[in-house]
Amino acid sequence: MLAYSRDLESAGLSRQQAEAIARGMTLMVTQQVESLVTKEHFDLTMAHVDQRFRQVDQRFDQVDRRFEQIDGRLDRVEDRLSGVEKSLSGHTVLLSIITLAVVIPLLQSMAAG
């Protein structure tokens, strides 16, 4: 700061003006340096970001496991519905046989009599 102040003085500014400008410049540079990110701060921030990504990955793993459980349940429901469908098909066949065995002879006897 002292050398800068002397340079300003030798350029024609008063000592008071030169010192005020030098103090202002020093303050400005100090504020700029303080706003810079240090490597340590950057590393800490990145470690925090990495930790958050790991937490998000864990949450996605939990969601994936839940979907796998739901898929398993849906597969079991599908198997049960398939069994119900086969059973209904069998019932339809039996009802057709009953209709042929009971209703048709009944209609024939009504038509004859």
C-alpha atoms as a PDB file:
ATOM      1  CA  MET A   1       0.000   0.000   0.000  1.00  0.00           C
ATOM      2  CA  LEU A   2       2.853   2.352   0.818  1.00  0.00           C
ATOM      3  CA  ALA A   3       4.482   1.951  -2.602  1.00  0.00           C
ATOM      4  CA  TYR A   4       1.151   2.550  -4.367  1.00  0.00           C
ATOM      5  CA  SER A   5       0.545   5.656  -2.279  1.00  0.00           C
ATOM      6  CA  ARG A   6       4.010   6.993  -3.189  1.00  0.00           C
ATOM      7  CA  ASP A   7       3.382   6.298  -6.881  1.00  0.00           C
ATOM      8  CA  LEU A   8       0.174   8.314  -6.695  1.00  0.00           C
ATOM      9  CA  GLU A   9       1.977  11.110  -4.864  1.00  0.00           C
ATOM     10  CA  SER A  10       4.713  11.229  -7.469  1.00  0.00           C
ATOM     11  CA  ALA A  11       2.014  11.427 -10.147  1.00  0.00           C
ATOM     12  CA  GLY A  12       0.841  14.696  -8.647  1.00  0.00           C
ATOM     13  CA  LEU A  13      -1.734  13.794  -6.010  1.00  0.00           C
ATOM     14  CA  SER A  14      -1.457  15.110  -2.485  1.00  0.00           C
ATOM     15  CA  ARG A  15      -0.291  12.724   0.216  1.00  0.00           C
ATOM     16  CA  GLN A  16      -3.804  12.718   1.708  1.00  0.00           C
ATOM     17  CA  GLN A  17      -5.429  11.882  -1.670  1.00  0.00           C
ATOM     18  CA  ALA A  18      -2.841   9.204  -2.444  1.00  0.00           C
ATOM     19  CA  GLU A  19      -3.308   7.505   0.935  1.00  0.00           C
ATOM     20  CA  ALA A  20      -7.122   7.617   0.631  1.00  0.00           C
ATOM     21  CA  ILE A  21      -6.977   6.032  -2.820  1.00  0.00           C
ATOM     22  CA  ALA A  22      -4.467   3.408  -1.627  1.00  0.00           C
ATOM     23  CA  ARG A  23      -6.696   2.528   1.378  1.00  0.00           C
ATOM     24  CA  GLY A  24      -9.725   2.261  -0.916  1.00  0.00           C
ATOM     25  CA  MET A  25      -7.881  -0.006  -3.315  1.00  0.00           C
ATOM     26  CA  THR A  26      -6.616  -2.151  -0.428  1.00  0.00           C
ATOM     27  CA  LEU A  27     -10.140  -2.469   0.950  1.00  0.00           C
ATOM     28  CA  MET A  28     -11.532  -3.378  -2.479  1.00  0.00           C
ATOM     29  CA  VAL A  29      -8.862  -6.027  -3.099  1.00  0.00           C
ATOM     30  CA  THR A  30      -9.378  -7.461   0.393  1.00  0.00           C
ATOM     31  CA  GLN A  31     -13.118  -7.780  -0.204  1.00  0.00           C
ATOM     32  CA  GLN A  32     -12.516  -9.457  -3.549  1.00  0.00           C
ATOM     33  CA  VAL A  33     -10.063 -11.946  -2.047  1.00  0.00           C
ATOM     34  CA  GLU A  34     -12.497 -12.746   0.780  1.00  0.00           C
ATOM     35  CA  SER A  35     -15.192 -13.591  -1.762  1.00  0.00           C
ATOM     36  CA  LEU A  36     -12.933 -16.135  -3.483  1.00  0.00           C
ATOM     37  CA  VAL A  37     -13.445 -19.795  -2.668  1.00  0.00           C
ATOM     38  CA  THR A  38     -10.549 -21.556  -1.038  1.00  0.00           C
ATOM     39  CA  LYS A  39      -9.631 -25.083  -2.067  1.00  0.00           C
ATOM     40  CA  GLU A  40     -10.581 -26.309   1.396  1.00  0.00           C
ATOM     41  CA  HIS A  41     -13.996 -24.651   1.169  1.00  0.00           C
ATOM     42  CA  PHE A  42     -14.528 -26.052  -2.314  1.00  0.00           C
ATOM     43  CA  ASP A  43     -13.529 -29.547  -1.154  1.00  0.00           C
ATOM     44  CA  LEU A  44     -15.902 -29.358   1.816  1.00  0.00           C
ATOM     45  CA  THR A  45     -18.721 -28.183  -0.413  1.00  0.00           C
ATOM     46  CA  MET A  46     -18.080 -30.953  -2.932  1.00  0.00           C
ATOM     47  CA  ALA A  47     -17.963 -33.534  -0.120  1.00  0.00           C
ATOM     48  CA  HIS A  48     -21.370 -32.271   1.003  1.00  0.00           C
ATOM     49  CA  VAL A  49     -22.703 -32.470  -2.563  1.00  0.00           C
ATOM     50  CA  ASP A  50     -21.334 -36.020  -2.892  1.00  0.00           C
ATOM     51  CA  GLN A  51     -23.017 -36.979   0.378  1.00  0.00           C
ATOM     52  CA  ARG A  52     -26.348 -35.582  -0.840  1.00  0.00           C
ATOM     53  CA  PHE A  53     -26.018 -37.544  -4.105  1.00  0.00           C
ATOM     54  CA  ARG A  54     -25.361 -40.724  -2.099  1.00  0.00           C
ATOM     55  CA  GLN A  55     -28.500 -40.030  -0.056  1.00  0.00           C
ATOM     56  CA  VAL A  56     -30.520 -39.522  -3.237  1.00  0.00           C
ATOM     57  CA  ASP A  57     -29.089 -42.753  -4.658  1.00  0.00           C
ATOM     58  CA  GLN A  58     -30.150 -44.582  -1.485  1.00  0.00           C
ATOM     59  CA  ARG A  59     -33.652 -43.192  -1.826  1.00  0.00           C
ATOM     60  CA  PHE A  60     -33.801 -44.373  -5.443  1.00  0.00           C
ATOM     61  CA  ASP A  61     -32.626 -47.810  -4.300  1.00  0.00           C
ATOM     62  CA  GLN A  62     -35.468 -47.878  -1.755  1.00  0.00           C
ATOM     63  CA  VAL A  63     -37.963 -46.865  -4.438  1.00  0.00           C
ATOM     64  CA  ASP A  64     -36.595 -49.561  -6.771  1.00  0.00           C
ATOM     65  CA  ARG A  65     -37.032 -52.193  -4.037  1.00  0.00           C
ATOM     66  CA  ARG A  66     -40.610 -51.048  -3.466  1.00  0.00           C
ATOM     67  CA  PHE A  67     -41.369 -51.310  -7.165  1.00  0.00           C
ATOM     68  CA  GLU A  68     -39.889 -54.813  -7.195  1.00  0.00           C
ATOM     69  CA  GLN A  69     -42.182 -55.767  -4.300  1.00  0.00           C
ATOM     70  CA  ILE A  70     -45.173 -54.290  -6.105  1.00  0.00           C
ATOM     71  CA  ASP A  71     -44.207 -56.151  -9.289  1.00  0.00           C
ATOM     72  CA  GLY A  72     -44.101 -59.391  -7.295  1.00  0.00           C
ATOM     73  CA  ARG A  73     -47.535 -58.709  -5.839  1.00  0.00           C
ATOM     74  CA  LEU A  74     -48.939 -57.871  -9.260  1.00  0.00           C
ATOM     75  CA  ASP A  75     -47.512 -61.129 -10.639  1.00  0.00           C
ATOM     76  CA  ARG A  76     -49.289 -63.068  -7.859  1.00  0.00           C
ATOM     77  CA  VAL A  77     -52.563 -61.238  -8.541  1.00  0.00           C
ATOM     78  CA  GLU A  78     -52.196 -61.991 -12.243  1.00  0.00           C
ATOM     79  CA  ASP A  79     -51.675 -65.688 -11.467  1.00  0.00           C
ATOM     80  CA  ARG A  80     -54.783 -65.726  -9.273  1.00  0.00           C
ATOM     81  CA  LEU A  81     -56.848 -63.971 -11.945  1.00  0.00           C
ATOM     82  CA  SER A  82     -55.660 -66.486 -14.491  1.00  0.00           C
ATOM     83  CA  GLY A  83     -56.934 -69.259 -12.204  1.00  0.00           C
ATOM     84  CA  VAL A  84     -60.266 -67.479 -11.803  1.00  0.00           C
ATOM     85  CA  GLU A  85     -60.523 -67.093 -15.573  1.00  0.00           C
ATOM     86  CA  LYS A  86     -59.945 -70.841 -16.079  1.00  0.00           C
ATOM     87  CA  SER A  87     -62.517 -71.614 -13.403  1.00  0.00           C
ATOM     88  CA  LEU A  88     -65.068 -69.325 -15.086  1.00  0.00           C
ATOM     89  CA  SER A  89     -64.441 -71.026 -18.406  1.00  0.00           C
ATOM     90  CA  GLY A  90     -65.168 -74.370 -16.750  1.00  0.00           C
ATOM     91  CA  HIS A  91     -68.348 -72.998 -15.213  1.00  0.00           C
ATOM     92  CA  THR A  92     -69.473 -71.700 -18.593  1.00  0.00           C
ATOM     93  CA  VAL A  93     -69.035 -75.156 -20.100  1.00  0.00           C
ATOM     94  CA  LEU A  94     -70.983 -76.761 -17.228  1.00  0.00           C
ATOM     95  CA  LEU A  95     -73.805 -74.237 -17.559  1.00  0.00           C
ATOM     96  CA  SER A  96     -73.984 -74.963 -21.283  1.00  0.00           C
ATOM     97  CA  ILE A  97     -74.229 -78.689 -20.596  1.00  0.00           C
ATOM     98  CA  ILE A  98     -76.923 -78.140 -17.953  1.00  0.00           C
ATOM     99  CA  THR A  99     -78.842 -75.924 -20.357  1.00  0.00           C
ATOM    100  CA  LEU A 100     -78.669 -78.587 -23.064  1.00  0.00           C
ATOM    101  CA  ALA A 101     -79.590 -81.401 -20.663  1.00  0.00           C
ATOM    102  CA  VAL A 102     -82.449 -79.654 -18.840  1.00  0.00           C
ATOM    103  CA  VAL A 103     -83.867 -76.762 -20.816  1.00  0.00           C
ATOM    104  CA  ILE A 104     -83.997 -78.346 -24.277  1.00  0.00           C
ATOM    105  CA  PRO A 105     -85.873 -81.482 -23.103  1.00  0.00           C
ATOM    106  CA  LEU A 106     -88.220 -79.222 -21.132  1.00  0.00           C
ATOM    107  CA  LEU A 107     -88.923 -77.141 -24.230  1.00  0.00           C
ATOM    108  CA  GLN A 108     -89.437 -80.297 -26.301  1.00  0.00           C
ATOM    109  CA  SER A 109     -91.946 -81.660 -23.798  1.00  0.00           C
ATOM    110  CA  MET A 110     -93.814 -78.359 -23.733  1.00  0.00           C
ATOM    111  CA  ALA A 111     -93.935 -78.255 -27.530  1.00  0.00           C
ATOM    112  CA  ALA A 112     -95.194 -81.843 -27.733  1.00  0.00           C
ATOM    113  CA  GLY A 113     -97.843 -81.535 -25.078  1.00  0.00           C
END
